[in-house]
Structures are given as C-alpha cells and as structure tokens.
N, C-alpha and C. Protein backbone atom coordinates (compact mmCIF):
# COMPACT_ATOMS: atom_id res chain seq x y z
N MET A 1 -11.14 12.32 0.31
CA MET A 1 -11.15 10.88 0.53
C MET A 1 -11.01 10.60 2.02
N GLU A 2 -11.98 9.87 2.56
CA GLU A 2 -12.05 9.77 4.01
C GLU A 2 -10.88 9.05 4.61
N GLU A 3 -10.40 7.97 3.92
CA GLU A 3 -9.33 7.19 4.54
C GLU A 3 -8.01 7.94 4.60
N ALA A 4 -7.93 9.06 3.90
CA ALA A 4 -6.68 9.82 3.89
C ALA A 4 -6.59 10.82 5.04
N LEU A 5 -7.54 10.76 5.98
CA LEU A 5 -7.51 11.72 7.09
C LEU A 5 -6.38 11.48 8.05
N GLY A 6 -6.14 10.20 8.39
CA GLY A 6 -5.01 9.89 9.27
C GLY A 6 -3.77 9.80 8.42
N SER A 7 -2.60 9.73 9.03
CA SER A 7 -1.39 9.59 8.22
C SER A 7 -0.74 8.27 8.52
N PRO A 8 -0.08 7.61 7.54
CA PRO A 8 0.57 6.34 7.76
C PRO A 8 1.64 6.48 8.83
N ARG A 9 1.81 5.43 9.63
CA ARG A 9 2.77 5.49 10.72
C ARG A 9 4.15 5.13 10.19
N ALA A 10 4.70 5.99 9.31
CA ALA A 10 6.00 5.71 8.71
C ALA A 10 7.09 5.59 9.76
N GLU A 11 7.01 6.41 10.80
CA GLU A 11 8.04 6.34 11.83
C GLU A 11 7.40 6.09 13.19
N GLY A 12 6.35 5.25 13.21
CA GLY A 12 5.76 4.83 14.47
C GLY A 12 4.95 5.90 15.19
N ALA A 13 4.26 6.76 14.45
CA ALA A 13 3.42 7.76 15.10
C ALA A 13 2.28 7.06 15.85
N ALA A 14 1.84 7.65 16.93
CA ALA A 14 0.80 7.02 17.74
C ALA A 14 -0.49 6.90 16.95
N PRO A 15 -1.08 5.68 16.89
CA PRO A 15 -2.29 5.49 16.10
C PRO A 15 -3.46 6.32 16.60
N GLU A 16 -3.49 6.62 17.95
CA GLU A 16 -4.62 7.37 18.47
C GLU A 16 -4.68 8.79 17.91
N VAL A 17 -3.54 9.32 17.47
CA VAL A 17 -3.53 10.66 16.88
C VAL A 17 -4.32 10.63 15.58
N ALA A 18 -4.06 9.60 14.77
CA ALA A 18 -4.77 9.47 13.50
C ALA A 18 -6.26 9.24 13.76
N MET A 19 -6.56 8.42 14.77
CA MET A 19 -7.95 8.09 15.08
C MET A 19 -8.71 9.36 15.49
N ALA A 20 -8.04 10.22 16.23
CA ALA A 20 -8.71 11.41 16.75
C ALA A 20 -9.14 12.36 15.64
N THR A 21 -8.50 12.27 14.48
CA THR A 21 -8.83 13.20 13.40
C THR A 21 -10.02 12.72 12.58
N GLU A 22 -10.46 11.49 12.75
CA GLU A 22 -11.46 10.92 11.87
C GLU A 22 -12.80 11.66 11.84
N PRO A 23 -13.40 11.97 13.00
CA PRO A 23 -14.74 12.54 12.94
C PRO A 23 -14.78 13.98 12.42
N VAL A 24 -13.65 14.62 12.33
CA VAL A 24 -13.62 16.03 11.93
C VAL A 24 -13.98 16.17 10.44
N ALA A 25 -14.90 17.06 10.16
CA ALA A 25 -15.28 17.30 8.76
C ALA A 25 -14.14 18.03 8.05
N VAL A 26 -13.81 17.55 6.87
CA VAL A 26 -12.72 18.18 6.12
C VAL A 26 -13.32 18.92 4.94
N GLU A 27 -12.94 20.19 4.80
CA GLU A 27 -13.42 20.95 3.65
C GLU A 27 -12.78 20.40 2.39
N SER A 28 -13.54 20.37 1.30
CA SER A 28 -13.04 19.77 0.08
C SER A 28 -11.78 20.47 -0.45
N ALA A 29 -11.62 21.73 -0.10
CA ALA A 29 -10.47 22.48 -0.59
C ALA A 29 -9.17 22.08 0.12
N ALA A 30 -9.29 21.60 1.35
CA ALA A 30 -8.09 21.29 2.13
C ALA A 30 -7.52 19.93 1.71
N PRO A 31 -6.25 19.88 1.32
CA PRO A 31 -5.67 18.59 0.95
C PRO A 31 -5.49 17.71 2.18
N SER A 32 -5.65 16.40 2.01
CA SER A 32 -5.47 15.48 3.13
C SER A 32 -3.98 15.40 3.47
N LEU A 33 -3.68 14.80 4.62
CA LEU A 33 -2.29 14.63 5.02
C LEU A 33 -1.52 13.82 3.98
N VAL A 34 -2.18 12.80 3.44
CA VAL A 34 -1.53 11.96 2.42
C VAL A 34 -1.21 12.80 1.19
N ASP A 35 -2.20 13.58 0.74
CA ASP A 35 -1.98 14.40 -0.46
C ASP A 35 -0.96 15.51 -0.22
N ARG A 36 -0.86 15.98 1.02
CA ARG A 36 0.05 17.07 1.32
C ARG A 36 1.51 16.61 1.37
N TYR A 37 1.74 15.44 1.93
CA TYR A 37 3.13 15.01 2.17
C TYR A 37 3.63 13.88 1.28
N PHE A 38 2.71 13.24 0.55
CA PHE A 38 3.11 12.09 -0.25
C PHE A 38 2.75 12.29 -1.72
N THR A 39 3.56 11.70 -2.59
CA THR A 39 3.24 11.63 -4.01
C THR A 39 2.71 10.23 -4.28
N ARG A 40 1.58 10.14 -4.94
CA ARG A 40 1.00 8.83 -5.24
C ARG A 40 1.56 8.29 -6.56
N TRP A 41 2.04 7.05 -6.51
CA TRP A 41 2.48 6.33 -7.70
C TRP A 41 1.69 5.02 -7.75
N TYR A 42 1.53 4.50 -8.94
CA TYR A 42 0.72 3.29 -9.08
C TYR A 42 1.43 2.25 -9.95
N LYS A 43 1.14 0.99 -9.62
CA LYS A 43 1.59 -0.12 -10.46
C LYS A 43 0.32 -0.89 -10.82
N ALA A 44 -0.03 -0.90 -12.11
CA ALA A 44 -1.25 -1.57 -12.54
C ALA A 44 -0.97 -3.02 -12.93
N ASP A 45 -1.95 -3.88 -12.72
CA ASP A 45 -1.86 -5.30 -13.12
C ASP A 45 -0.55 -5.94 -12.66
N VAL A 46 -0.27 -5.84 -11.37
CA VAL A 46 1.00 -6.35 -10.83
C VAL A 46 1.19 -7.82 -11.18
N LYS A 47 2.38 -8.13 -11.68
CA LYS A 47 2.74 -9.49 -12.14
C LYS A 47 1.77 -10.02 -13.19
N GLY A 48 1.20 -9.09 -13.99
CA GLY A 48 0.32 -9.50 -15.09
C GLY A 48 -1.08 -9.90 -14.67
N LYS A 49 -1.43 -9.69 -13.40
CA LYS A 49 -2.77 -10.08 -12.94
C LYS A 49 -3.72 -8.89 -13.07
N PRO A 50 -4.76 -9.04 -13.91
CA PRO A 50 -5.67 -7.92 -14.20
C PRO A 50 -6.27 -7.29 -12.94
N CYS A 51 -6.24 -5.97 -12.90
CA CYS A 51 -6.83 -5.15 -11.83
C CYS A 51 -6.12 -5.23 -10.48
N GLU A 52 -5.09 -6.07 -10.37
CA GLU A 52 -4.38 -6.15 -9.08
C GLU A 52 -3.40 -4.98 -9.02
N ASP A 53 -3.94 -3.82 -8.72
CA ASP A 53 -3.18 -2.57 -8.74
C ASP A 53 -2.70 -2.20 -7.33
N HIS A 54 -1.47 -1.73 -7.25
CA HIS A 54 -0.90 -1.28 -5.98
C HIS A 54 -0.64 0.22 -6.04
N CYS A 55 -0.67 0.85 -4.88
CA CYS A 55 -0.37 2.28 -4.79
C CYS A 55 0.86 2.45 -3.90
N ILE A 56 1.78 3.29 -4.34
CA ILE A 56 2.99 3.57 -3.57
C ILE A 56 2.95 5.04 -3.19
N LEU A 57 2.90 5.32 -1.90
CA LEU A 57 2.90 6.70 -1.41
C LEU A 57 4.33 7.06 -1.08
N GLN A 58 4.92 7.96 -1.88
CA GLN A 58 6.32 8.32 -1.67
C GLN A 58 6.42 9.65 -0.93
N HIS A 59 7.05 9.61 0.23
CA HIS A 59 7.24 10.81 1.04
C HIS A 59 8.45 11.59 0.53
N SER A 60 8.51 12.88 0.87
CA SER A 60 9.65 13.70 0.43
C SER A 60 10.97 13.21 1.05
N ASN A 61 10.90 12.44 2.15
CA ASN A 61 12.12 11.89 2.75
C ASN A 61 12.49 10.53 2.13
N ARG A 62 11.84 10.19 1.00
CA ARG A 62 12.03 9.02 0.15
C ARG A 62 11.43 7.73 0.69
N ILE A 63 10.87 7.75 1.89
CA ILE A 63 10.18 6.56 2.40
C ILE A 63 8.96 6.28 1.52
N CYS A 64 8.70 5.01 1.24
CA CYS A 64 7.55 4.61 0.44
C CYS A 64 6.61 3.75 1.27
N VAL A 65 5.33 4.11 1.25
CA VAL A 65 4.31 3.34 1.96
C VAL A 65 3.53 2.56 0.90
N ILE A 66 3.53 1.24 1.04
CA ILE A 66 2.86 0.38 0.05
C ILE A 66 1.42 0.15 0.50
N THR A 67 0.48 0.47 -0.39
CA THR A 67 -0.94 0.30 -0.09
C THR A 67 -1.63 -0.33 -1.30
N LEU A 68 -2.90 -0.66 -1.12
CA LEU A 68 -3.68 -1.15 -2.26
C LEU A 68 -4.25 0.05 -3.01
N ALA A 69 -4.26 -0.03 -4.34
CA ALA A 69 -4.91 1.02 -5.14
C ALA A 69 -6.42 0.83 -5.03
N GLU A 70 -7.14 1.93 -5.24
CA GLU A 70 -8.60 1.91 -5.09
C GLU A 70 -9.28 0.85 -5.95
N SER A 71 -8.65 0.51 -7.07
CA SER A 71 -9.27 -0.43 -8.01
C SER A 71 -8.96 -1.90 -7.71
N HIS A 72 -8.15 -2.17 -6.67
CA HIS A 72 -7.77 -3.56 -6.37
C HIS A 72 -9.02 -4.37 -6.01
N PRO A 73 -9.09 -5.63 -6.49
CA PRO A 73 -10.27 -6.47 -6.21
C PRO A 73 -10.63 -6.56 -4.73
N VAL A 74 -9.63 -6.54 -3.84
CA VAL A 74 -9.90 -6.66 -2.40
C VAL A 74 -10.74 -5.48 -1.89
N LEU A 75 -10.65 -4.33 -2.59
CA LEU A 75 -11.37 -3.14 -2.14
C LEU A 75 -12.74 -3.00 -2.81
N GLN A 76 -13.10 -3.96 -3.65
CA GLN A 76 -14.40 -3.87 -4.31
C GLN A 76 -15.50 -4.36 -3.37
N SER A 77 -16.70 -3.84 -3.56
CA SER A 77 -17.81 -4.17 -2.65
C SER A 77 -18.11 -5.66 -2.70
N GLY A 78 -18.47 -6.18 -1.55
CA GLY A 78 -18.81 -7.60 -1.47
C GLY A 78 -17.66 -8.49 -1.07
N LYS A 79 -16.43 -7.96 -1.09
CA LYS A 79 -15.27 -8.77 -0.69
C LYS A 79 -15.11 -8.76 0.83
N THR A 80 -14.88 -9.92 1.38
CA THR A 80 -14.59 -10.02 2.81
C THR A 80 -13.23 -10.67 2.99
N ILE A 81 -12.36 -10.02 3.75
CA ILE A 81 -11.03 -10.59 4.00
C ILE A 81 -11.14 -11.60 5.14
N LYS A 82 -10.69 -12.81 4.86
CA LYS A 82 -10.71 -13.86 5.89
C LYS A 82 -9.47 -13.75 6.76
N SER A 83 -8.31 -13.58 6.10
CA SER A 83 -7.06 -13.44 6.87
C SER A 83 -5.97 -12.83 5.99
N ILE A 84 -4.94 -12.35 6.67
CA ILE A 84 -3.77 -11.77 5.99
C ILE A 84 -2.54 -12.42 6.60
N SER A 85 -1.57 -12.76 5.77
CA SER A 85 -0.37 -13.40 6.28
C SER A 85 0.89 -12.74 5.71
N TYR A 86 1.83 -12.46 6.59
CA TYR A 86 3.14 -11.94 6.16
C TYR A 86 4.15 -13.08 6.02
N GLN A 87 3.67 -14.34 6.14
CA GLN A 87 4.53 -15.51 5.97
C GLN A 87 4.62 -15.78 4.47
N ILE A 88 5.74 -15.42 3.86
CA ILE A 88 5.88 -15.49 2.41
C ILE A 88 6.22 -16.90 1.94
N SER A 89 7.02 -17.60 2.72
CA SER A 89 7.38 -18.99 2.41
C SER A 89 7.70 -19.66 3.74
N THR A 90 8.06 -20.93 3.67
CA THR A 90 8.38 -21.67 4.90
C THR A 90 9.48 -20.98 5.68
N ASN A 91 10.46 -20.43 4.97
CA ASN A 91 11.62 -19.84 5.65
C ASN A 91 11.60 -18.32 5.73
N CYS A 92 10.57 -17.70 5.19
CA CYS A 92 10.59 -16.23 5.15
C CYS A 92 9.28 -15.63 5.65
N SER A 93 9.40 -14.88 6.73
CA SER A 93 8.26 -14.13 7.25
C SER A 93 8.65 -12.65 7.34
N ARG A 94 7.80 -11.80 6.81
CA ARG A 94 8.08 -10.36 6.91
C ARG A 94 7.97 -9.88 8.36
N LEU A 95 7.30 -10.66 9.20
CA LEU A 95 7.19 -10.29 10.61
C LEU A 95 8.52 -10.42 11.35
N GLN A 96 9.44 -11.20 10.77
CA GLN A 96 10.76 -11.39 11.40
C GLN A 96 11.72 -10.26 11.06
N ASN A 97 11.24 -9.31 10.29
CA ASN A 97 12.08 -8.16 9.90
C ASN A 97 12.38 -7.31 11.12
N LYS A 98 13.64 -7.21 11.49
CA LYS A 98 14.02 -6.42 12.66
C LYS A 98 15.04 -5.36 12.22
N VAL A 99 14.65 -4.10 12.34
CA VAL A 99 15.51 -3.01 11.89
C VAL A 99 16.12 -2.31 13.10
N SER A 100 17.43 -2.04 13.02
CA SER A 100 18.05 -1.34 14.15
C SER A 100 19.10 -0.34 13.68
N GLY A 101 19.23 0.73 14.44
CA GLY A 101 20.30 1.69 14.21
C GLY A 101 20.13 2.59 13.01
N LYS A 102 21.04 3.52 12.92
CA LYS A 102 21.03 4.53 11.86
C LYS A 102 21.12 3.91 10.47
N PHE A 103 21.86 2.79 10.36
CA PHE A 103 22.06 2.17 9.04
C PHE A 103 21.02 1.10 8.74
N LYS A 104 19.97 1.05 9.58
CA LYS A 104 18.84 0.13 9.35
C LYS A 104 19.31 -1.32 9.21
N ARG A 105 20.20 -1.71 10.11
CA ARG A 105 20.71 -3.09 10.06
C ARG A 105 19.58 -4.09 10.29
N GLY A 106 19.69 -5.22 9.63
CA GLY A 106 18.72 -6.30 9.83
C GLY A 106 17.49 -6.21 8.94
N ALA A 107 17.34 -5.09 8.23
CA ALA A 107 16.16 -4.94 7.37
C ALA A 107 16.25 -5.89 6.18
N GLN A 108 15.14 -6.52 5.86
CA GLN A 108 15.09 -7.39 4.68
C GLN A 108 15.16 -6.52 3.43
N PHE A 109 15.96 -6.97 2.44
CA PHE A 109 16.04 -6.20 1.19
C PHE A 109 15.00 -6.74 0.22
N LEU A 110 14.28 -5.84 -0.41
CA LEU A 110 13.20 -6.22 -1.32
C LEU A 110 13.49 -5.78 -2.74
N THR A 111 13.13 -6.62 -3.70
CA THR A 111 13.15 -6.20 -5.10
C THR A 111 11.73 -5.73 -5.43
N GLU A 112 11.54 -5.20 -6.64
CA GLU A 112 10.22 -4.70 -7.02
C GLU A 112 9.14 -5.79 -6.95
N LEU A 113 9.53 -7.02 -7.26
CA LEU A 113 8.54 -8.10 -7.32
C LEU A 113 8.45 -8.91 -6.02
N ALA A 114 9.22 -8.51 -5.01
CA ALA A 114 9.22 -9.27 -3.75
C ALA A 114 7.83 -9.24 -3.10
N PRO A 115 7.31 -10.42 -2.71
CA PRO A 115 6.00 -10.44 -2.05
C PRO A 115 6.10 -9.89 -0.62
N LEU A 116 5.10 -9.11 -0.23
CA LEU A 116 5.05 -8.57 1.13
C LEU A 116 4.09 -9.36 2.01
N CYS A 117 2.93 -9.66 1.46
CA CYS A 117 1.95 -10.42 2.24
C CYS A 117 0.96 -11.10 1.30
N LYS A 118 0.15 -11.96 1.89
CA LYS A 118 -0.91 -12.61 1.13
C LYS A 118 -2.24 -12.29 1.81
N ILE A 119 -3.23 -11.98 0.99
CA ILE A 119 -4.56 -11.67 1.51
C ILE A 119 -5.51 -12.78 1.05
N TYR A 120 -6.18 -13.39 2.02
CA TYR A 120 -7.11 -14.48 1.73
C TYR A 120 -8.54 -13.97 1.93
N CYS A 121 -9.37 -14.12 0.90
CA CYS A 121 -10.76 -13.65 0.99
C CYS A 121 -11.71 -14.82 1.22
N SER A 122 -12.89 -14.51 1.75
CA SER A 122 -13.85 -15.56 2.11
C SER A 122 -14.42 -16.27 0.88
N ASP A 123 -14.28 -15.65 -0.32
CA ASP A 123 -14.78 -16.31 -1.53
C ASP A 123 -13.76 -17.29 -2.13
N GLY A 124 -12.65 -17.50 -1.39
CA GLY A 124 -11.64 -18.45 -1.86
C GLY A 124 -10.51 -17.81 -2.66
N GLU A 125 -10.68 -16.56 -3.04
CA GLU A 125 -9.63 -15.86 -3.79
C GLU A 125 -8.49 -15.47 -2.85
N GLU A 126 -7.26 -15.53 -3.37
CA GLU A 126 -6.13 -15.02 -2.59
C GLU A 126 -5.28 -14.11 -3.46
N TYR A 127 -4.69 -13.10 -2.83
CA TYR A 127 -3.94 -12.08 -3.55
C TYR A 127 -2.59 -11.87 -2.87
N THR A 128 -1.53 -11.83 -3.68
CA THR A 128 -0.19 -11.55 -3.16
C THR A 128 0.11 -10.08 -3.43
N ILE A 129 0.51 -9.38 -2.37
CA ILE A 129 0.84 -7.96 -2.50
C ILE A 129 2.36 -7.84 -2.60
N SER A 130 2.81 -7.16 -3.64
CA SER A 130 4.25 -7.03 -3.90
C SER A 130 4.78 -5.66 -3.48
N SER A 131 6.09 -5.57 -3.33
CA SER A 131 6.71 -4.33 -2.88
C SER A 131 6.58 -3.21 -3.93
N CYS A 132 6.78 -3.56 -5.20
CA CYS A 132 6.73 -2.60 -6.33
C CYS A 132 7.91 -1.63 -6.36
N VAL A 133 8.67 -1.52 -5.28
CA VAL A 133 9.88 -0.69 -5.27
C VAL A 133 11.01 -1.47 -4.60
N ARG A 134 12.24 -1.20 -5.04
CA ARG A 134 13.43 -1.80 -4.44
C ARG A 134 13.80 -1.03 -3.17
N GLY A 135 14.18 -1.75 -2.14
CA GLY A 135 14.62 -1.05 -0.94
C GLY A 135 14.59 -1.94 0.29
N ARG A 136 14.84 -1.34 1.43
CA ARG A 136 14.84 -2.08 2.70
C ARG A 136 13.45 -2.01 3.33
N LEU A 137 13.00 -3.13 3.86
CA LEU A 137 11.72 -3.19 4.54
C LEU A 137 11.86 -2.56 5.93
N MET A 138 11.18 -1.44 6.15
CA MET A 138 11.27 -0.74 7.44
C MET A 138 10.30 -1.31 8.46
N GLU A 139 9.09 -1.56 8.01
CA GLU A 139 8.09 -2.13 8.92
C GLU A 139 6.92 -2.68 8.12
N VAL A 140 6.20 -3.61 8.75
CA VAL A 140 4.94 -4.09 8.19
C VAL A 140 3.84 -3.66 9.15
N ASN A 141 2.64 -3.63 8.67
CA ASN A 141 1.51 -3.17 9.48
C ASN A 141 0.82 -4.35 10.14
N GLU A 142 1.22 -4.64 11.38
CA GLU A 142 0.64 -5.79 12.09
C GLU A 142 -0.82 -5.56 12.47
N ASN A 143 -1.26 -4.31 12.47
CA ASN A 143 -2.65 -4.02 12.84
C ASN A 143 -3.65 -4.70 11.90
N ILE A 144 -3.27 -4.83 10.61
CA ILE A 144 -4.21 -5.44 9.67
C ILE A 144 -4.36 -6.94 9.90
N LEU A 145 -3.40 -7.54 10.62
CA LEU A 145 -3.53 -8.97 10.95
C LEU A 145 -4.66 -9.17 11.95
N HIS A 146 -4.78 -8.24 12.90
CA HIS A 146 -5.79 -8.36 13.95
C HIS A 146 -7.14 -7.79 13.52
N LYS A 147 -7.09 -6.81 12.60
CA LYS A 147 -8.34 -6.20 12.13
C LYS A 147 -8.25 -5.98 10.62
N PRO A 148 -8.43 -7.05 9.83
CA PRO A 148 -8.28 -6.94 8.37
C PRO A 148 -9.18 -5.91 7.72
N SER A 149 -10.30 -5.61 8.35
CA SER A 149 -11.26 -4.67 7.73
C SER A 149 -10.67 -3.27 7.54
N ILE A 150 -9.66 -2.88 8.37
CA ILE A 150 -9.10 -1.53 8.19
C ILE A 150 -8.34 -1.41 6.87
N LEU A 151 -7.89 -2.55 6.34
CA LEU A 151 -7.23 -2.52 5.03
C LEU A 151 -8.23 -2.06 3.97
N GLN A 152 -9.49 -2.46 4.13
CA GLN A 152 -10.52 -2.07 3.16
C GLN A 152 -11.09 -0.69 3.47
N GLU A 153 -11.23 -0.39 4.76
CA GLU A 153 -11.85 0.88 5.15
C GLU A 153 -10.90 2.07 4.95
N LYS A 154 -9.61 1.88 5.24
CA LYS A 154 -8.65 2.99 5.17
C LYS A 154 -7.36 2.53 4.52
N PRO A 155 -7.41 2.11 3.26
CA PRO A 155 -6.22 1.54 2.61
C PRO A 155 -5.04 2.50 2.51
N ALA A 156 -5.32 3.81 2.43
CA ALA A 156 -4.21 4.76 2.25
C ALA A 156 -3.58 5.22 3.56
N THR A 157 -4.21 4.85 4.69
CA THR A 157 -3.65 5.30 5.97
C THR A 157 -3.44 4.11 6.91
N GLU A 158 -4.38 3.89 7.83
CA GLU A 158 -4.17 2.85 8.84
C GLU A 158 -4.15 1.44 8.26
N GLY A 159 -4.67 1.28 7.04
CA GLY A 159 -4.69 -0.04 6.42
C GLY A 159 -3.55 -0.28 5.44
N TYR A 160 -2.45 0.45 5.63
CA TYR A 160 -1.30 0.27 4.72
C TYR A 160 -0.70 -1.13 4.90
N ILE A 161 0.10 -1.56 3.92
CA ILE A 161 0.70 -2.90 3.96
C ILE A 161 2.08 -2.88 4.60
N ALA A 162 2.95 -1.99 4.11
CA ALA A 162 4.34 -1.97 4.59
C ALA A 162 5.00 -0.64 4.25
N VAL A 163 6.15 -0.42 4.89
CA VAL A 163 6.94 0.78 4.64
C VAL A 163 8.31 0.34 4.12
N VAL A 164 8.72 0.89 2.98
CA VAL A 164 9.98 0.50 2.34
C VAL A 164 10.84 1.75 2.15
N LEU A 165 12.14 1.60 2.43
CA LEU A 165 13.07 2.72 2.25
C LEU A 165 14.03 2.40 1.11
N PRO A 166 13.88 3.07 -0.04
CA PRO A 166 14.79 2.83 -1.16
C PRO A 166 16.19 3.34 -0.83
N LYS A 167 17.20 2.80 -1.52
CA LYS A 167 18.55 3.34 -1.37
C LYS A 167 18.54 4.79 -1.83
N PHE A 168 19.37 5.60 -1.19
CA PHE A 168 19.38 7.03 -1.51
C PHE A 168 19.63 7.26 -3.00
N GLU A 169 20.62 6.53 -3.55
CA GLU A 169 20.96 6.76 -4.96
C GLU A 169 19.88 6.25 -5.92
N GLU A 170 18.95 5.44 -5.41
CA GLU A 170 17.88 4.92 -6.26
C GLU A 170 16.54 5.61 -6.01
N SER A 171 16.52 6.56 -5.08
CA SER A 171 15.23 7.14 -4.68
C SER A 171 14.51 7.85 -5.82
N LYS A 172 15.27 8.35 -6.80
CA LYS A 172 14.63 9.00 -7.96
C LYS A 172 14.21 7.96 -9.00
N SER A 173 15.07 6.96 -9.20
CA SER A 173 14.81 6.00 -10.29
C SER A 173 13.76 4.95 -9.95
N ILE A 174 13.43 4.78 -8.66
CA ILE A 174 12.47 3.72 -8.32
C ILE A 174 11.08 3.96 -8.89
N THR A 175 10.78 5.22 -9.24
CA THR A 175 9.44 5.49 -9.77
C THR A 175 9.36 5.27 -11.29
N GLU A 176 10.51 4.95 -11.90
CA GLU A 176 10.48 4.61 -13.33
C GLU A 176 9.67 3.33 -13.50
N GLY A 177 8.75 3.35 -14.42
CA GLY A 177 7.91 2.16 -14.61
C GLY A 177 6.64 2.20 -13.79
N LEU A 178 6.51 3.21 -12.91
CA LEU A 178 5.27 3.37 -12.16
C LEU A 178 4.41 4.43 -12.86
N LEU A 179 3.12 4.42 -12.56
CA LEU A 179 2.20 5.37 -13.18
C LEU A 179 1.94 6.55 -12.25
N THR A 180 1.78 7.73 -12.82
CA THR A 180 1.34 8.87 -12.02
C THR A 180 -0.16 8.67 -11.75
N GLN A 181 -0.72 9.50 -10.87
CA GLN A 181 -2.14 9.37 -10.58
C GLN A 181 -2.98 9.57 -11.84
N LYS A 182 -2.60 10.54 -12.67
CA LYS A 182 -3.35 10.81 -13.90
C LYS A 182 -3.30 9.60 -14.85
N GLN A 183 -2.09 9.03 -15.01
CA GLN A 183 -1.95 7.86 -15.89
C GLN A 183 -2.76 6.67 -15.37
N TYR A 184 -2.74 6.51 -14.06
CA TYR A 184 -3.49 5.41 -13.43
C TYR A 184 -4.99 5.58 -13.66
N GLU A 185 -5.47 6.82 -13.48
CA GLU A 185 -6.90 7.08 -13.68
C GLU A 185 -7.30 6.79 -15.12
N GLU A 186 -6.40 7.09 -16.07
CA GLU A 186 -6.67 6.79 -17.49
C GLU A 186 -6.78 5.28 -17.72
N VAL A 187 -5.91 4.51 -17.04
CA VAL A 187 -5.95 3.04 -17.15
C VAL A 187 -7.29 2.52 -16.65
N VAL A 188 -7.74 3.04 -15.50
CA VAL A 188 -9.00 2.59 -14.89
C VAL A 188 -10.18 2.92 -15.81
N VAL A 189 -10.16 4.11 -16.42
CA VAL A 189 -11.25 4.51 -17.33
C VAL A 189 -11.27 3.60 -18.56
N LYS A 190 -10.08 3.30 -19.11
CA LYS A 190 -9.99 2.41 -20.28
C LYS A 190 -10.54 1.03 -19.95
N ARG A 191 -10.19 0.54 -18.77
CA ARG A 191 -10.69 -0.77 -18.33
C ARG A 191 -12.20 -0.77 -18.23
N SER A 192 -12.72 0.29 -17.63
CA SER A 192 -14.17 0.42 -17.43
C SER A 192 -14.89 0.46 -18.77
N ASN A 193 -14.32 1.21 -19.72
CA ASN A 193 -14.90 1.30 -21.06
C ASN A 193 -14.87 -0.04 -21.78
N ALA A 194 -13.75 -0.75 -21.60
CA ALA A 194 -13.61 -2.08 -22.24
C ALA A 194 -14.64 -3.04 -21.68
N THR A 195 -14.86 -2.98 -20.36
CA THR A 195 -15.85 -3.87 -19.72
C THR A 195 -17.25 -3.54 -20.22
N THR A 196 -17.55 -2.25 -20.33
CA THR A 196 -18.88 -1.82 -20.81
C THR A 196 -19.10 -2.29 -22.25
N ALA A 197 -18.05 -2.18 -23.06
CA ALA A 197 -18.16 -2.55 -24.48
C ALA A 197 -18.42 -4.04 -24.67
N THR A 198 -17.85 -4.87 -23.77
CA THR A 198 -18.00 -6.32 -23.95
C THR A 198 -19.25 -6.86 -23.27
N SER A 199 -19.86 -6.07 -22.37
CA SER A 199 -21.04 -6.59 -21.68
C SER A 199 -22.33 -6.29 -22.46
C-alpha cells in the first residue's frame, strides 16, 4: 500500500524523511513501516453512520494514530475535500491542545465518541471524525488543513487525523469493541455483497 511508505509523525519526526521514501519501489514481501510497527484496528459505521469507518493504528508504545479506514466515503473516488476544521464547537478547538512535560499536562482528554475534526466535501456532505479510543490528545495533524488532499492520498501516514495516548492501565482494554483487520475486511465484503444483491 503506497500511502504506508512514510510513517506517522507520532513524536514529531521530520516530514521530509517520510517524503524521501516515497519514490522508492517497495518489494511486495517487505512490510511497510505502518505494518511493521503498528497494529491496525477498525471501528465500522461510527456513531451508526453507514460506511463511516475509522482506522486506529496502535503502536507498541500504546500511542494510537487515528486515520480514515479505506472504505470511508471521503476516500471514495470522486470526492473532493473543500475544507477540514478542528473547531469542534464554539468553545472547543482541537488546535488549542497544548501538551507539555513528562505527564502530558494540558492535553485534552477524549472519550471514544469525542469528535476530533470535521471534513467538508465539495458535494455538500460533511463528516465528523471521532477519536474511537479513550485517552489524551497528543497532537492533531495541521498539515491536512493546508493540504486536504494528503488525507485522501496518504490516509495511513501523512494524512492522519490525530495522535491519542490512552492511559497505561487502559492500553489493553481500549481495543475492546474494535475490529481486527480480518474482521473489518469481512464487514466490507458483506456490505459489498449486500449492495450487489439490492442493485
């Protein structure tokens, strides 16, 4: 998968490093950086909205990178993103999240259903992206505000939404209720079959 060539900037890695790896041909046998260091978890039909699937990349150090799943409507062909906003409400902006020190002071605390951002498409559709895991908000990806297309081109790497750090004691339990990659693929196949049957 091409977008998995770079790695998410979980701890502020220089973006040019990820960019430099893009043109290199990757042998199919070699796992991508994402596949090597992260476990993919999925949340299907977030908040009951059909096909609005999110992907959570969980690192071995328990950091979770929130991205769009491949099946999300925003990633389907023909969709154009008009804008992205981290302004969740009048009084709450994820951009105001300021984390400092070893104990991550100042980080906004998120529940599984906490909204991270809103994506506005040129066809008038808008989508709210949720955290899907409980934890502290470490950072949001401001790059997608300036270049929304990277969210579609490289959703698993440079186009990630946010980075969340679960509490240590919850780092194992946060994946309860999420789907493994195999379970997610089964959901997508069932959906596809259902669509074919009704058309």
